[in-house]
PDB file of N, CA and C in Angstrom:
ATOM      1  N   MET A   1      22.973-103.069 -19.995  1.00  0.00           N
ATOM      2  CA  MET A   1      22.546-104.343 -19.434  1.00  0.00           C
ATOM      3  C   MET A   1      23.765-105.165 -19.039  1.00  0.00           C
ATOM      4  N   GLU A   2      23.778-105.647 -17.839  1.00  0.00           N
ATOM      5  CA  GLU A   2      24.935-106.393 -17.349  1.00  0.00           C
ATOM      6  C   GLU A   2      24.581-107.851 -17.130  1.00  0.00           C
ATOM      7  N   ASN A   3      25.548-108.706 -17.413  1.00  0.00           N
ATOM      8  CA  ASN A   3      25.355-110.130 -17.163  1.00  0.00           C
ATOM      9  C   ASN A   3      25.991-110.468 -15.823  1.00  0.00           C
ATOM     10  N   ASP A   4      25.190-110.440 -14.781  1.00  0.00           N
ATOM     11  CA  ASP A   4      25.729-110.644 -13.437  1.00  0.00           C
ATOM     12  C   ASP A   4      26.143-112.095 -13.193  1.00  0.00           C
ATOM     13  N   ASN A   5      25.630-113.016 -14.019  1.00  0.00           N
ATOM     14  CA  ASN A   5      26.003-114.416 -13.835  1.00  0.00           C
ATOM     15  C   ASN A   5      27.438-114.652 -14.261  1.00  0.00           C
ATOM     16  N   ASN A   6      27.988-113.756 -15.065  1.00  0.00           N
ATOM     17  CA  ASN A   6      29.309-113.989 -15.643  1.00  0.00           C
ATOM     18  C   ASN A   6      30.410-113.303 -14.860  1.00  0.00           C
ATOM     19  N   LYS A   7      30.071-112.620 -13.779  1.00  0.00           N
ATOM     20  CA  LYS A   7      31.131-111.964 -13.024  1.00  0.00           C
ATOM     21  C   LYS A   7      30.884-112.055 -11.533  1.00  0.00           C
ATOM     22  N   LYS A   8      31.978-111.951 -10.811  1.00  0.00           N
ATOM     23  CA  LYS A   8      31.898-112.026  -9.359  1.00  0.00           C
ATOM     24  C   LYS A   8      32.573-110.763  -8.830  1.00  0.00           C
ATOM     25  N   VAL A   9      31.859-110.007  -8.027  1.00  0.00           N
ATOM     26  CA  VAL A   9      32.412-108.768  -7.496  1.00  0.00           C
ATOM     27  C   VAL A   9      32.675-108.954  -6.009  1.00  0.00           C
ATOM     28  N   SER A  10      33.911-108.679  -5.615  1.00  0.00           N
ATOM     29  CA  SER A  10      34.227-108.767  -4.198  1.00  0.00           C
ATOM     30  C   SER A  10      34.918-107.488  -3.772  1.00  0.00           C
ATOM     31  N   LYS A  11      34.618-107.063  -2.569  1.00  0.00           N
ATOM     32  CA  LYS A  11      35.239-105.844  -2.072  1.00  0.00           C
ATOM     33  C   LYS A  11      36.417-106.231  -1.183  1.00  0.00           C
ATOM     34  N   GLU A  12      37.539-105.573  -1.394  1.00  0.00           N
ATOM     35  CA  GLU A  12      38.714-105.858  -0.589  1.00  0.00           C
ATOM     36  C   GLU A  12      39.164-104.598   0.124  1.00  0.00           C
ATOM     37  N   LYS A  13      39.482-104.749   1.389  1.00  0.00           N
ATOM     38  CA  LYS A  13      39.990-103.609   2.142  1.00  0.00           C
ATOM     39  C   LYS A  13      41.453-103.409   1.771  1.00  0.00           C
ATOM     40  N   GLN A  14      41.778-102.257   1.223  1.00  0.00           N
ATOM     41  CA  GLN A  14      43.134-102.010   0.762  1.00  0.00           C
ATOM     42  C   GLN A  14      44.054-101.670   1.926  1.00  0.00           C
ATOM     43  N   TYR A  15      43.813-100.557   2.556  1.00  0.00           N
ATOM     44  CA  TYR A  15      44.627-100.207   3.707  1.00  0.00           C
ATOM     45  C   TYR A  15      43.904 -99.172   4.546  1.00  0.00           C
ATOM     46  N   VAL A  16      44.358 -99.022   5.764  1.00  0.00           N
ATOM     47  CA  VAL A  16      43.739 -98.069   6.672  1.00  0.00           C
ATOM     48  C   VAL A  16      44.762 -96.990   6.977  1.00  0.00           C
ATOM     49  N   GLU A  17      44.333 -95.757   6.821  1.00  0.00           N
ATOM     50  CA  GLU A  17      45.235 -94.632   7.041  1.00  0.00           C
ATOM     51  C   GLU A  17      44.765 -93.867   8.263  1.00  0.00           C
ATOM     52  N   LYS A  18      45.663 -93.668   9.195  1.00  0.00           N
ATOM     53  CA  LYS A  18      45.305 -92.886  10.385  1.00  0.00           C
ATOM     54  C   LYS A  18      46.023 -91.550  10.308  1.00  0.00           C
ATOM     55  N   LYS A  19      45.241 -90.493  10.339  1.00  0.00           N
ATOM     56  CA  LYS A  19      45.807 -89.161  10.237  1.00  0.00           C
ATOM     57  C   LYS A  19      44.989 -88.229  11.107  1.00  0.00           C
ATOM     58  N   ASN A  20      45.650 -87.569  12.034  1.00  0.00           N
ATOM     59  CA  ASN A  20      44.978 -86.643  12.935  1.00  0.00           C
ATOM     60  C   ASN A  20      43.837 -87.314  13.692  1.00  0.00           C
ATOM     61  N   GLY A  21      44.019 -88.587  14.016  1.00  0.00           N
ATOM     62  CA  GLY A  21      42.991 -89.294  14.787  1.00  0.00           C
ATOM     63  C   GLY A  21      41.876 -89.843  13.932  1.00  0.00           C
ATOM     64  N   ASP A  22      41.880 -89.506  12.628  1.00  0.00           N
ATOM     65  CA  ASP A  22      40.838 -90.034  11.748  1.00  0.00           C
ATOM     66  C   ASP A  22      41.306 -91.353  11.144  1.00  0.00           C
ATOM     67  N   THR A  23      40.426 -92.295  11.074  1.00  0.00           N
ATOM     68  CA  THR A  23      40.752 -93.569  10.446  1.00  0.00           C
ATOM     69  C   THR A  23      40.027 -93.646   9.116  1.00  0.00           C
ATOM     70  N   LYS A  24      40.790 -93.809   8.051  1.00  0.00           N
ATOM     71  CA  LYS A  24      40.190 -93.924   6.725  1.00  0.00           C
ATOM     72  C   LYS A  24      40.444 -95.322   6.200  1.00  0.00           C
ATOM     73  N   THR A  25      39.405 -95.963   5.764  1.00  0.00           N
ATOM     74  CA  THR A  25      39.541 -97.291   5.179  1.00  0.00           C
ATOM     75  C   THR A  25      39.262 -97.190   3.689  1.00  0.00           C
ATOM     76  N   PHE A  26      40.210 -97.659   2.908  1.00  0.00           N
ATOM     77  CA  PHE A  26      40.045 -97.606   1.458  1.00  0.00           C
ATOM     78  C   PHE A  26      39.618 -98.977   0.972  1.00  0.00           C
ATOM     79  N   ILE A  27      38.520 -98.986   0.244  1.00  0.00           N
ATOM     80  CA  ILE A  27      37.972-100.249  -0.237  1.00  0.00           C
ATOM     81  C   ILE A  27      38.055-100.258  -1.763  1.00  0.00           C
ATOM     82  N   SER A  28      38.588-101.324  -2.303  1.00  0.00           N
ATOM     83  CA  SER A  28      38.611-101.451  -3.755  1.00  0.00           C
ATOM     84  C   SER A  28      37.678-102.574  -4.164  1.00  0.00           C
ATOM     85  N   GLU A  29      37.050-102.379  -5.299  1.00  0.00           N
ATOM     86  CA  GLU A  29      36.116-103.380  -5.783  1.00  0.00           C
ATOM     87  C   GLU A  29      36.840-104.234  -6.814  1.00  0.00           C
ATOM     88  N   VAL A  30      36.809-105.532  -6.605  1.00  0.00           N
ATOM     89  CA  VAL A  30      37.485-106.444  -7.512  1.00  0.00           C
ATOM     90  C   VAL A  30      36.434-107.210  -8.293  1.00  0.00           C
ATOM     91  N   GLN A  31      36.560-107.155  -9.622  1.00  0.00           N
ATOM     92  CA  GLN A  31      35.624-107.883 -10.463  1.00  0.00           C
ATOM     93  C   GLN A  31      36.350-109.016 -11.163  1.00  0.00           C
ATOM     94  N   GLU A  32      35.795-110.202 -11.044  1.00  0.00           N
ATOM     95  CA  GLU A  32      36.364-111.359 -11.719  1.00  0.00           C
ATOM     96  C   GLU A  32      35.368-111.837 -12.760  1.00  0.00           C
ATOM     97  N   PHE A  33      35.834-111.896 -13.993  1.00  0.00           N
ATOM     98  CA  PHE A  33      34.960-112.351 -15.068  1.00  0.00           C
ATOM     99  C   PHE A  33      35.276-113.802 -15.394  1.00  0.00           C
ATOM    100  N   ASN A  34      34.226-114.590 -15.530  1.00  0.00           N
ATOM    101  CA  ASN A  34      34.408-115.994 -15.889  1.00  0.00           C
ATOM    102  C   ASN A  34      34.576-116.093 -17.399  1.00  0.00           C
ATOM    103  N   LYS A  35      35.575-116.855 -17.825  1.00  0.00           N
ATOM    104  CA  LYS A  35      35.794-117.042 -19.256  1.00  0.00           C
ATOM    105  C   LYS A  35      34.761-118.033 -19.792  1.00  0.00           C
ATOM    106  N   PRO A  36      34.249-117.766 -20.988  1.00  0.00           N
ATOM    107  CA  PRO A  36      33.361-118.751 -21.614  1.00  0.00           C
ATOM    108  C   PRO A  36      34.121-120.051 -21.864  1.00  0.00           C
ATOM    109  N   GLU A  37      33.387-121.123 -22.031  1.00  0.00           N
ATOM    110  CA  GLU A  37      34.004-122.435 -22.197  1.00  0.00           C
ATOM    111  C   GLU A  37      34.940-122.461 -23.402  1.00  0.00           C
ATOM    112  N   ASP A  38      34.520-121.844 -24.491  1.00  0.00           N
ATOM    113  CA  ASP A  38      35.299-121.930 -25.727  1.00  0.00           C
ATOM    114  C   ASP A  38      36.212-120.723 -25.914  1.00  0.00           C
ATOM    115  N   TYR A  39      36.516-120.044 -24.839  1.00  0.00           N
ATOM    116  CA  TYR A  39      37.331-118.833 -24.936  1.00  0.00           C
ATOM    117  C   TYR A  39      38.701-119.131 -25.520  1.00  0.00           C
ATOM    118  N   ASP A  40      39.365-120.150 -24.994  1.00  0.00           N
ATOM    119  CA  ASP A  40      40.724-120.464 -25.435  1.00  0.00           C
ATOM    120  C   ASP A  40      40.755-120.875 -26.899  1.00  0.00           C
ATOM    121  N   GLU A  41      39.772-121.668 -27.314  1.00  0.00           N
ATOM    122  CA  GLU A  41      39.740-122.099 -28.716  1.00  0.00           C
ATOM    123  C   GLU A  41      39.514-120.909 -29.635  1.00  0.00           C
ATOM    124  N   ALA A  42      38.612-120.027 -29.257  1.00  0.00           N
ATOM    125  CA  ALA A  42      38.342-118.848 -30.074  1.00  0.00           C
ATOM    126  C   ALA A  42      39.569-117.949 -30.119  1.00  0.00           C
ATOM    127  N   PHE A  43      40.250-117.849 -28.999  1.00  0.00           N
ATOM    128  CA  PHE A  43      41.445-117.010 -28.939  1.00  0.00           C
ATOM    129  C   PHE A  43      42.516-117.550 -29.881  1.00  0.00           C
ATOM    130  N   LYS A  44      42.674-118.880 -29.900  1.00  0.00           N
ATOM    131  CA  LYS A  44      43.678-119.494 -30.774  1.00  0.00           C
ATOM    132  C   LYS A  44      43.334-119.281 -32.240  1.00  0.00           C
ATOM    133  N   GLU A  45      42.026-119.243 -32.543  1.00  0.00           N
ATOM    134  CA  GLU A  45      41.636-119.020 -33.938  1.00  0.00           C
ATOM    135  C   GLU A  45      42.026-117.619 -34.389  1.00  0.00           C
ATOM    136  N   TYR A  46      41.833-116.630 -33.511  1.00  0.00           N
ATOM    137  CA  TYR A  46      42.149-115.256 -33.875  1.00  0.00           C
ATOM    138  C   TYR A  46      43.640-114.976 -33.814  1.00  0.00           C
ATOM    139  N   TYR A  47      44.308-115.616 -32.860  1.00  0.00           N
ATOM    140  CA  TYR A  47      45.747-115.390 -32.679  1.00  0.00           C
ATOM    141  C   TYR A  47      46.471-116.733 -32.677  1.00  0.00           C
ATOM    142  N   PRO A  48      46.759-117.245 -33.866  1.00  0.00           N
ATOM    143  CA  PRO A  48      47.330-118.594 -33.947  1.00  0.00           C
ATOM    144  C   PRO A  48      48.694-118.701 -33.277  1.00  0.00           C
ATOM    145  N   GLU A  49      49.530-117.683 -33.451  1.00  0.00           N
ATOM    146  CA  GLU A  49      50.885-117.764 -32.907  1.00  0.00           C
ATOM    147  C   GLU A  49      51.053-116.791 -31.762  1.00  0.00           C
ATOM    148  N   GLN A  50      50.983-117.314 -30.560  1.00  0.00           N
ATOM    149  CA  GLN A  50      51.257-116.510 -29.374  1.00  0.00           C
ATOM    150  C   GLN A  50      52.389-117.170 -28.623  1.00  0.00           C
ATOM    151  N   SER A  51      53.416-116.387 -28.325  1.00  0.00           N
ATOM    152  CA  SER A  51      54.535-116.988 -27.616  1.00  0.00           C
ATOM    153  C   SER A  51      54.616-116.418 -26.220  1.00  0.00           C
TER     154      SER A  51
END
């Protein structure tokens, strides 16, 4: 089960390769996850000393 509200997926064209007259387009999928509101506070509780 996926929480689609918590992530944003965007497709980005990486590069186009031309070889022997063929054009290949490489697409990478980029997923961005939204941090919960209390993420930083929870992180500090688990890892008090981060430099």
